[in-house]
């Protein structure tokens, strides 16, 4: 008798497995198997929150002045390799977070230049990435930092 029960259990398990496989192969409006799943962007150090825009990865081109491009991908997403390149140089401005005013950002850029020895161009690029990452919308304001050597540093 125990052998018969185990045979029935085996048949039931096989039937259940075949039903499960059949359901998995059915297309449904809730199936995401054929399209990539949307995932939240990762928090990129030194930031402590997720970016407001998606992330991407595009190979970097090193320029003659020691910087890299592109900062963003063609669709405007944050280029993760660029973020990682500028993070050691512009770590304070890149860690500021959302909802920052221009004065705080410019003051922090000065700190990065003094403490981390970033050039003004490096600092502007790090601040541009941070502006995109946090959604500050102040790329023009931080670009003026490179033009104005007397910006308070």
C-alpha atoms as a PDB file:
ATOM      1  CA  UNK A   1       0.000   0.000   0.000  1.00  0.00           C
ATOM      2  CA  UNK A   2       2.748   2.575   0.758  1.00  0.00           C
ATOM      3  CA  UNK A   3       4.179   1.951  -2.691  1.00  0.00           C
ATOM      4  CA  UNK A   4       0.849   2.776  -4.281  1.00  0.00           C
ATOM      5  CA  UNK A   5       0.571   6.058  -2.338  1.00  0.00           C
ATOM      6  CA  UNK A   6       4.018   7.128  -3.424  1.00  0.00           C
ATOM      7  CA  UNK A   7       3.126   6.287  -7.026  1.00  0.00           C
ATOM      8  CA  UNK A   8      -0.002   8.443  -6.752  1.00  0.00           C
ATOM      9  CA  UNK A   9       2.016  11.232  -5.164  1.00  0.00           C
ATOM     10  CA  UNK A  10       4.532  11.032  -7.974  1.00  0.00           C
ATOM     11  CA  UNK A  11       1.776  11.174 -10.611  1.00  0.00           C
ATOM     12  CA  UNK A  12       0.200  14.154  -8.845  1.00  0.00           C
ATOM     13  CA  UNK A  13       3.526  15.959  -8.689  1.00  0.00           C
ATOM     14  CA  UNK A  14       4.165  15.337 -12.383  1.00  0.00           C
ATOM     15  CA  UNK A  15       0.675  16.555 -13.274  1.00  0.00           C
ATOM     16  CA  UNK A  16       1.179  19.688 -11.208  1.00  0.00           C
ATOM     17  CA  UNK A  17       4.547  20.325 -12.835  1.00  0.00           C
ATOM     18  CA  UNK A  18       3.133  19.963 -16.347  1.00  0.00           C
ATOM     19  CA  UNK A  19       0.263  22.350 -15.515  1.00  0.00           C
ATOM     20  CA  UNK A  20       2.781  24.855 -14.126  1.00  0.00           C
ATOM     21  CA  UNK A  21       4.916  24.606 -17.259  1.00  0.00           C
ATOM     22  CA  UNK A  22       1.852  25.025 -19.441  1.00  0.00           C
ATOM     23  CA  UNK A  23       0.804  28.149 -17.548  1.00  0.00           C
ATOM     24  CA  UNK A  24       4.305  29.582 -17.720  1.00  0.00           C
ATOM     25  CA  UNK A  25       4.351  29.267 -21.501  1.00  0.00           C
ATOM     26  CA  UNK A  26       0.996  31.022 -21.946  1.00  0.00           C
ATOM     27  CA  UNK A  27       1.229  34.634 -22.915  1.00  0.00           C
ATOM     28  CA  UNK A  28      -0.566  37.013 -20.652  1.00  0.00           C
ATOM     29  CA  UNK A  29      -0.710  40.781 -20.389  1.00  0.00           C
ATOM     30  CA  UNK A  30       1.186  40.439 -17.103  1.00  0.00           C
ATOM     31  CA  UNK A  31       4.050  38.387 -18.506  1.00  0.00           C
ATOM     32  CA  UNK A  32       7.356  40.226 -18.684  1.00  0.00           C
ATOM     33  CA  UNK A  33       9.475  37.383 -19.989  1.00  0.00           C
ATOM     34  CA  UNK A  34      10.044  38.913 -23.421  1.00  0.00           C
ATOM     35  CA  UNK A  35      10.884  42.427 -22.246  1.00  0.00           C
ATOM     36  CA  UNK A  36      13.531  43.592 -19.794  1.00  0.00           C
ATOM     37  CA  UNK A  37      12.283  44.322 -16.333  1.00  0.00           C
ATOM     38  CA  UNK A  38      12.482  47.895 -15.113  1.00  0.00           C
ATOM     39  CA  UNK A  39      14.818  48.159 -12.174  1.00  0.00           C
ATOM     40  CA  UNK A  40      15.518  51.114  -9.988  1.00  0.00           C
ATOM     41  CA  UNK A  41      18.820  52.863 -10.634  1.00  0.00           C
ATOM     42  CA  UNK A  42      21.572  52.074  -8.169  1.00  0.00           C
ATOM     43  CA  UNK A  43      22.833  54.600  -5.649  1.00  0.00           C
ATOM     44  CA  UNK A  44      26.213  55.740  -6.946  1.00  0.00           C
ATOM     45  CA  UNK A  45      28.801  56.618  -4.292  1.00  0.00           C
ATOM     46  CA  UNK A  46      29.324  59.178  -2.874  1.00  0.00           C
ATOM     47  CA  UNK A  47      25.581  59.840  -3.233  1.00  0.00           C
ATOM     48  CA  UNK A  48      23.326  58.316  -0.592  1.00  0.00           C
ATOM     49  CA  UNK A  49      20.070  58.411  -2.578  1.00  0.00           C
ATOM     50  CA  UNK A  50      19.021  57.063  -5.968  1.00  0.00           C
ATOM     51  CA  UNK A  51      19.269  59.378  -8.985  1.00  0.00           C
ATOM     52  CA  UNK A  52      16.179  61.060 -10.415  1.00  0.00           C
ATOM     53  CA  UNK A  53      17.200  59.911 -13.900  1.00  0.00           C
ATOM     54  CA  UNK A  54      18.121  56.436 -15.157  1.00  0.00           C
ATOM     55  CA  UNK A  55      21.691  55.253 -15.406  1.00  0.00           C
ATOM     56  CA  UNK A  56      23.536  53.910 -18.423  1.00  0.00           C
ATOM     57  CA  UNK A  57      27.022  52.767 -19.319  1.00  0.00           C
ATOM     58  CA  UNK A  58      28.868  54.198 -22.307  1.00  0.00           C
ATOM     59  CA  UNK A  59      32.624  53.845 -22.852  1.00  0.00           C
ATOM     60  CA  UNK A  60      34.614  56.920 -21.902  1.00  0.00           C
ATOM     61  CA  UNK A  61      36.846  58.976 -24.161  1.00  0.00           C
ATOM     62  CA  UNK A  62      39.771  60.614 -22.374  1.00  0.00           C
ATOM     63  CA  UNK A  63      40.420  64.179 -23.474  1.00  0.00           C
ATOM     64  CA  UNK A  64      43.807  65.912 -23.763  1.00  0.00           C
ATOM     65  CA  UNK A  65      43.135  67.941 -20.608  1.00  0.00           C
ATOM     66  CA  UNK A  66      42.675  64.777 -18.511  1.00  0.00           C
ATOM     67  CA  UNK A  67      38.890  64.739 -18.409  1.00  0.00           C
ATOM     68  CA  UNK A  68      36.413  62.247 -19.844  1.00  0.00           C
ATOM     69  CA  UNK A  69      33.327  62.309 -22.021  1.00  0.00           C
ATOM     70  CA  UNK A  70      30.447  61.652 -22.292  1.00  0.00           C
ATOM     71  CA  UNK A  71      28.912  62.556 -18.946  1.00  0.00           C
ATOM     72  CA  UNK A  72      25.530  61.295 -20.059  1.00  0.00           C
ATOM     73  CA  UNK A  73      24.304  58.867 -22.674  1.00  0.00           C
ATOM     74  CA  UNK A  74      22.481  60.007 -25.808  1.00  0.00           C
ATOM     75  CA  UNK A  75      19.127  59.833 -24.020  1.00  0.00           C
ATOM     76  CA  UNK A  76      20.304  61.964 -21.075  1.00  0.00           C
ATOM     77  CA  UNK A  77      20.849  59.117 -18.590  1.00  0.00           C
ATOM     78  CA  UNK A  78      23.765  59.341 -16.132  1.00  0.00           C
ATOM     79  CA  UNK A  79      26.841  57.621 -17.571  1.00  0.00           C
ATOM     80  CA  UNK A  80      28.015  55.460 -14.657  1.00  0.00           C
ATOM     81  CA  UNK A  81      31.672  55.236 -15.797  1.00  0.00           C
ATOM     82  CA  UNK A  82      31.839  59.057 -15.937  1.00  0.00           C
ATOM     83  CA  UNK A  83      30.293  59.314 -12.461  1.00  0.00           C
ATOM     84  CA  UNK A  84      32.887  56.876 -11.107  1.00  0.00           C
ATOM     85  CA  UNK A  85      35.709  58.801 -12.819  1.00  0.00           C
ATOM     86  CA  UNK A  86      34.761  62.152 -11.250  1.00  0.00           C
ATOM     87  CA  UNK A  87      33.583  60.860  -7.839  1.00  0.00           C
ATOM     88  CA  UNK A  88      37.048  60.909  -6.173  1.00  0.00           C
ATOM     89  CA  UNK A  89      37.679  64.486  -7.363  1.00  0.00           C
ATOM     90  CA  UNK A  90      34.233  65.996  -6.821  1.00  0.00           C
ATOM     91  CA  UNK A  91      33.045  63.849  -3.950  1.00  0.00           C
ATOM     92  CA  UNK A  92      31.588  66.635  -1.823  1.00  0.00           C
ATOM     93  CA  UNK A  93      29.423  68.175  -4.536  1.00  0.00           C
ATOM     94  CA  UNK A  94      28.400  64.727  -5.765  1.00  0.00           C
ATOM     95  CA  UNK A  95      27.245  63.802  -2.240  1.00  0.00           C
ATOM     96  CA  UNK A  96      25.112  66.903  -1.602  1.00  0.00           C
ATOM     97  CA  UNK A  97      21.696  65.393  -2.286  1.00  0.00           C
ATOM     98  CA  UNK A  98      18.537  66.842  -3.734  1.00  0.00           C
ATOM     99  CA  UNK A  99      17.111  70.353  -3.286  1.00  0.00           C
ATOM    100  CA  UNK A 100      20.351  72.325  -3.135  1.00  0.00           C
ATOM    101  CA  UNK A 101      20.651  76.022  -3.832  1.00  0.00           C
ATOM    102  CA  UNK A 102      23.243  77.522  -6.173  1.00  0.00           C
ATOM    103  CA  UNK A 103      25.216  79.129  -3.330  1.00  0.00           C
ATOM    104  CA  UNK A 104      25.602  75.837  -1.465  1.00  0.00           C
ATOM    105  CA  UNK A 105      26.638  74.041  -4.636  1.00  0.00           C
ATOM    106  CA  UNK A 106      29.225  76.694  -5.564  1.00  0.00           C
ATOM    107  CA  UNK A 107      30.613  76.756  -2.003  1.00  0.00           C
ATOM    108  CA  UNK A 108      30.912  72.963  -2.063  1.00  0.00           C
ATOM    109  CA  UNK A 109      32.641  73.092  -5.442  1.00  0.00           C
ATOM    110  CA  UNK A 110      35.252  75.408  -3.906  1.00  0.00           C
ATOM    111  CA  UNK A 111      35.748  72.905  -1.118  1.00  0.00           C
ATOM    112  CA  UNK A 112      36.322  70.091  -3.604  1.00  0.00           C
ATOM    113  CA  UNK A 113      38.919  72.206  -5.419  1.00  0.00           C
ATOM    114  CA  UNK A 114      40.743  72.989  -2.175  1.00  0.00           C
ATOM    115  CA  UNK A 115      40.496  69.603  -0.461  1.00  0.00           C
ATOM    116  CA  UNK A 116      40.502  67.105  -3.328  1.00  0.00           C
ATOM    117  CA  UNK A 117      42.611  69.249  -5.681  1.00  0.00           C
ATOM    118  CA  UNK A 118      40.163  68.982  -8.555  1.00  0.00           C
ATOM    119  CA  UNK A 119      40.768  71.397 -11.385  1.00  0.00           C
ATOM    120  CA  UNK A 120      37.935  73.815 -12.089  1.00  0.00           C
ATOM    121  CA  UNK A 121      37.025  71.888 -15.246  1.00  0.00           C
ATOM    122  CA  UNK A 122      36.967  68.587 -13.323  1.00  0.00           C
ATOM    123  CA  UNK A 123      34.820  70.173 -10.647  1.00  0.00           C
ATOM    124  CA  UNK A 124      32.378  71.590 -13.171  1.00  0.00           C
ATOM    125  CA  UNK A 125      31.997  68.174 -14.773  1.00  0.00           C
ATOM    126  CA  UNK A 126      31.392  66.545 -11.393  1.00  0.00           C
ATOM    127  CA  UNK A 127      28.844  69.226 -10.526  1.00  0.00           C
ATOM    128  CA  UNK A 128      27.123  68.798 -13.906  1.00  0.00           C
ATOM    129  CA  UNK A 129      26.781  65.076 -13.210  1.00  0.00           C
ATOM    130  CA  UNK A 130      25.439  65.839  -9.734  1.00  0.00           C
ATOM    131  CA  UNK A 131      22.971  68.357 -11.166  1.00  0.00           C
ATOM    132  CA  UNK A 132      21.620  65.713 -13.542  1.00  0.00           C
ATOM    133  CA  UNK A 133      21.696  62.993 -10.870  1.00  0.00           C
ATOM    134  CA  UNK A 134      19.732  65.018  -8.305  1.00  0.00           C
ATOM    135  CA  UNK A 135      17.668  67.058 -10.749  1.00  0.00           C
ATOM    136  CA  UNK A 136      19.006  70.448  -9.628  1.00  0.00           C
ATOM    137  CA  UNK A 137      18.691  71.945 -13.105  1.00  0.00           C
ATOM    138  CA  UNK A 138      21.705  74.215 -12.657  1.00  0.00           C
ATOM    139  CA  UNK A 139      24.200  73.131 -15.284  1.00  0.00           C
ATOM    140  CA  UNK A 140      24.580  76.730 -16.514  1.00  0.00           C
ATOM    141  CA  UNK A 141      25.279  78.013 -13.000  1.00  0.00           C
ATOM    142  CA  UNK A 142      27.984  75.438 -12.318  1.00  0.00           C
ATOM    143  CA  UNK A 143      29.559  75.996 -15.743  1.00  0.00           C
ATOM    144  CA  UNK A 144      30.149  79.642 -14.767  1.00  0.00           C
ATOM    145  CA  UNK A 145      32.460  78.298 -12.048  1.00  0.00           C
ATOM    146  CA  UNK A 146      35.121  77.542 -14.649  1.00  0.00           C
ATOM    147  CA  UNK A 147      34.833  80.947 -16.319  1.00  0.00           C
ATOM    148  CA  UNK A 148      34.990  82.932 -13.102  1.00  0.00           C
ATOM    149  CA  UNK A 149      38.215  82.168 -11.218  1.00  0.00           C
ATOM    150  CA  UNK A 150      37.079  84.656  -8.578  1.00  0.00           C
ATOM    151  CA  UNK A 151      33.943  82.717  -7.736  1.00  0.00           C
ATOM    152  CA  UNK A 152      34.641  82.934  -4.045  1.00  0.00           C
ATOM    153  CA  UNK A 153      37.224  80.182  -3.637  1.00  0.00           C
END
